[in-house]
Amino acid sequence: MREKGRVLRVEDGYAVVRMVRSKACSACGVCSNLSPGSDEMEIRALNVAGARPGEVAEVEVRTRGVLLAAFMLYGLPIAAGVLGYVGGSLAGRPYGIGGALAAFGLAFPVIRAVDKRLEGRPGFTPEIVGVDRTPEY
């Protein structure tokens, strides 16, 4: 998925880009909204195109990364909860619920650790793939 936005600042090989949220990316969650109800958002992207502040940049978020993020955020906690329930139930019925809650809770530190390992890797981090350097009049 590709979207365009204005580069606000550049820092350590990344650029912070402000863009208007389109309908295609409204439920993705990769970007952060500036305020509730606002259509504007900011995203931190690898600056592979060498964009500078004030320029219009084309940001690409690869489908593979979005699908993995969705699975990790939604699928992993649910799967962990089910497995925790099954495992706890083997020890007795009341332990099933405790096992489900414990496994569900432990899924989030795992998600955070995987997110940190994938951060900055191509395919899992938004990238600036193009820059419009034509002056505005």
Protein backbone atom coordinates (compact mmCIF):
# COMPACT_ATOMS: atom_id res chain seq x y z
CA MET A 1 0.00 0.00 0.00
CA ARG A 2 1.39 3.42 -0.95
CA GLU A 3 0.38 6.80 0.41
CA LYS A 4 1.79 10.32 0.06
CA GLY A 5 2.57 12.78 2.81
CA ARG A 6 4.80 15.68 3.83
CA VAL A 7 8.13 14.99 5.54
CA LEU A 8 8.26 16.78 8.90
CA ARG A 9 11.74 15.80 10.10
CA VAL A 10 14.59 13.40 9.38
CA GLU A 11 16.43 11.53 12.12
CA ASP A 12 18.89 8.61 12.08
CA GLY A 13 17.94 7.22 8.66
CA TYR A 14 14.22 7.61 9.31
CA ALA A 15 11.76 10.33 8.36
CA VAL A 16 8.57 11.32 10.13
CA VAL A 17 5.84 11.87 7.54
CA ARG A 18 2.43 13.48 8.10
CA MET A 19 -0.33 12.27 5.82
CA VAL A 20 -4.09 12.11 5.54
CA ARG A 21 -5.50 8.69 6.42
CA SER A 22 -7.21 7.08 3.44
CA LYS A 23 -10.04 4.56 3.66
CA ALA A 24 -7.63 1.79 2.63
CA CYS A 25 -5.40 2.33 5.65
CA SER A 26 -8.02 3.32 8.22
CA ALA A 27 -7.86 0.06 10.21
CA CYS A 28 -4.19 -0.81 9.73
CA GLY A 29 -2.78 0.59 12.99
CA VAL A 30 0.77 1.17 11.70
CA CYS A 31 0.40 4.95 11.95
CA SER A 32 -0.55 7.05 14.94
CA ASN A 33 -3.44 9.50 14.82
CA LEU A 34 -2.63 13.02 15.88
CA SER A 35 -5.90 13.45 17.72
CA PRO A 36 -9.16 11.54 18.12
CA GLY A 37 -11.40 12.06 15.12
CA SER A 38 -8.58 13.50 13.02
CA ASP A 39 -7.83 12.17 9.55
CA GLU A 40 -4.19 13.25 9.85
CA MET A 41 -1.57 10.80 11.04
CA GLU A 42 2.18 10.53 11.39
CA ILE A 43 4.35 7.60 10.42
CA ARG A 44 8.04 6.89 11.00
CA ALA A 45 9.49 5.40 7.81
CA LEU A 46 12.90 4.27 6.60
CA ASN A 47 14.24 7.14 4.51
CA VAL A 48 15.69 5.06 1.65
CA ALA A 49 14.86 7.76 -0.92
CA GLY A 50 16.70 10.52 0.91
CA ALA A 51 13.68 12.73 1.56
CA ARG A 52 14.21 16.11 3.25
CA PRO A 53 11.86 18.09 5.51
CA GLY A 54 9.10 19.85 3.58
CA GLU A 55 9.15 17.48 0.61
CA VAL A 56 6.26 15.27 -0.43
CA ALA A 57 7.20 11.61 0.01
CA GLU A 58 5.59 8.38 -1.14
CA VAL A 59 5.49 5.89 1.74
CA GLU A 60 5.06 2.17 1.15
CA VAL A 61 3.82 -0.30 3.75
CA ARG A 62 4.25 -3.82 2.42
CA THR A 63 1.33 -6.22 2.69
CA ARG A 64 3.50 -8.91 4.28
CA GLY A 65 4.31 -6.69 7.22
CA VAL A 66 0.70 -5.61 7.69
CA LEU A 67 -0.53 -9.22 7.65
CA LEU A 68 2.13 -10.33 10.14
CA ALA A 69 1.28 -7.41 12.43
CA ALA A 70 -2.44 -8.26 12.28
CA PHE A 71 -1.74 -11.91 13.09
CA MET A 72 0.56 -11.01 15.97
CA LEU A 73 -1.82 -8.47 17.44
CA TYR A 74 -5.04 -10.49 17.12
CA GLY A 75 -4.22 -14.13 16.39
CA LEU A 76 -1.36 -14.77 18.80
CA PRO A 77 -3.18 -13.72 22.00
CA ILE A 78 -6.27 -15.71 21.02
CA ALA A 79 -4.22 -18.81 20.17
CA ALA A 80 -2.25 -18.44 23.42
CA GLY A 81 -5.48 -18.14 25.42
CA VAL A 82 -6.93 -21.28 23.83
CA LEU A 83 -3.73 -23.24 24.39
CA GLY A 84 -3.54 -21.96 27.98
CA TYR A 85 -7.11 -23.08 28.59
CA VAL A 86 -6.46 -26.54 27.18
CA GLY A 87 -3.23 -26.87 29.16
CA GLY A 88 -4.84 -25.66 32.37
CA SER A 89 -7.86 -27.91 31.89
CA LEU A 90 -5.58 -30.94 31.88
CA ALA A 91 -4.78 -30.12 35.51
CA GLY A 92 -8.45 -29.66 36.38
CA ARG A 93 -11.41 -27.58 35.27
CA PRO A 94 -10.78 -24.48 37.44
CA TYR A 95 -7.22 -24.23 36.16
CA GLY A 96 -8.38 -23.83 32.56
CA ILE A 97 -9.52 -20.25 33.01
CA GLY A 98 -6.37 -19.34 34.93
CA GLY A 99 -4.21 -20.94 32.24
CA ALA A 100 -6.09 -19.04 29.53
CA LEU A 101 -5.68 -15.69 31.28
CA ALA A 102 -1.99 -16.31 32.04
CA ALA A 103 -1.17 -17.39 28.48
CA PHE A 104 -3.19 -14.50 27.03
CA GLY A 105 -1.28 -12.03 29.22
CA LEU A 106 2.10 -13.55 28.37
CA ALA A 107 1.40 -13.19 24.64
CA PHE A 108 1.84 -9.41 24.78
CA PRO A 109 5.47 -9.34 25.98
CA VAL A 110 6.20 -11.87 23.23
CA ILE A 111 4.55 -9.58 20.66
CA ARG A 112 6.60 -6.64 21.96
CA ALA A 113 9.87 -8.63 21.70
CA VAL A 114 9.11 -9.77 18.14
CA ASP A 115 8.14 -6.22 17.18
CA LYS A 116 11.48 -4.90 18.44
CA ARG A 117 13.38 -7.58 16.47
CA LEU A 118 11.52 -6.79 13.23
CA GLU A 119 11.73 -3.01 13.59
CA GLY A 120 13.87 -1.51 10.86
CA ARG A 121 13.93 -4.64 8.71
CA PRO A 122 12.90 -4.23 5.08
CA GLY A 123 9.38 -5.49 4.50
CA PHE A 124 8.29 -4.90 8.08
CA THR A 125 8.91 -1.18 8.39
CA PRO A 126 7.28 1.53 6.25
CA GLU A 127 9.72 2.90 3.65
CA ILE A 128 9.91 6.14 1.69
CA VAL A 129 10.14 4.88 -1.88
CA GLY A 130 9.78 8.15 -3.77
CA VAL A 131 10.08 11.89 -3.32
CA ASP A 132 8.40 14.72 -5.23
CA ARG A 133 11.05 17.44 -5.41
CA THR A 134 9.13 19.80 -7.69
CA PRO A 135 8.79 23.22 -6.10
CA GLU A 136 5.31 24.41 -5.09
CA TYR A 137 4.01 27.76 -6.37
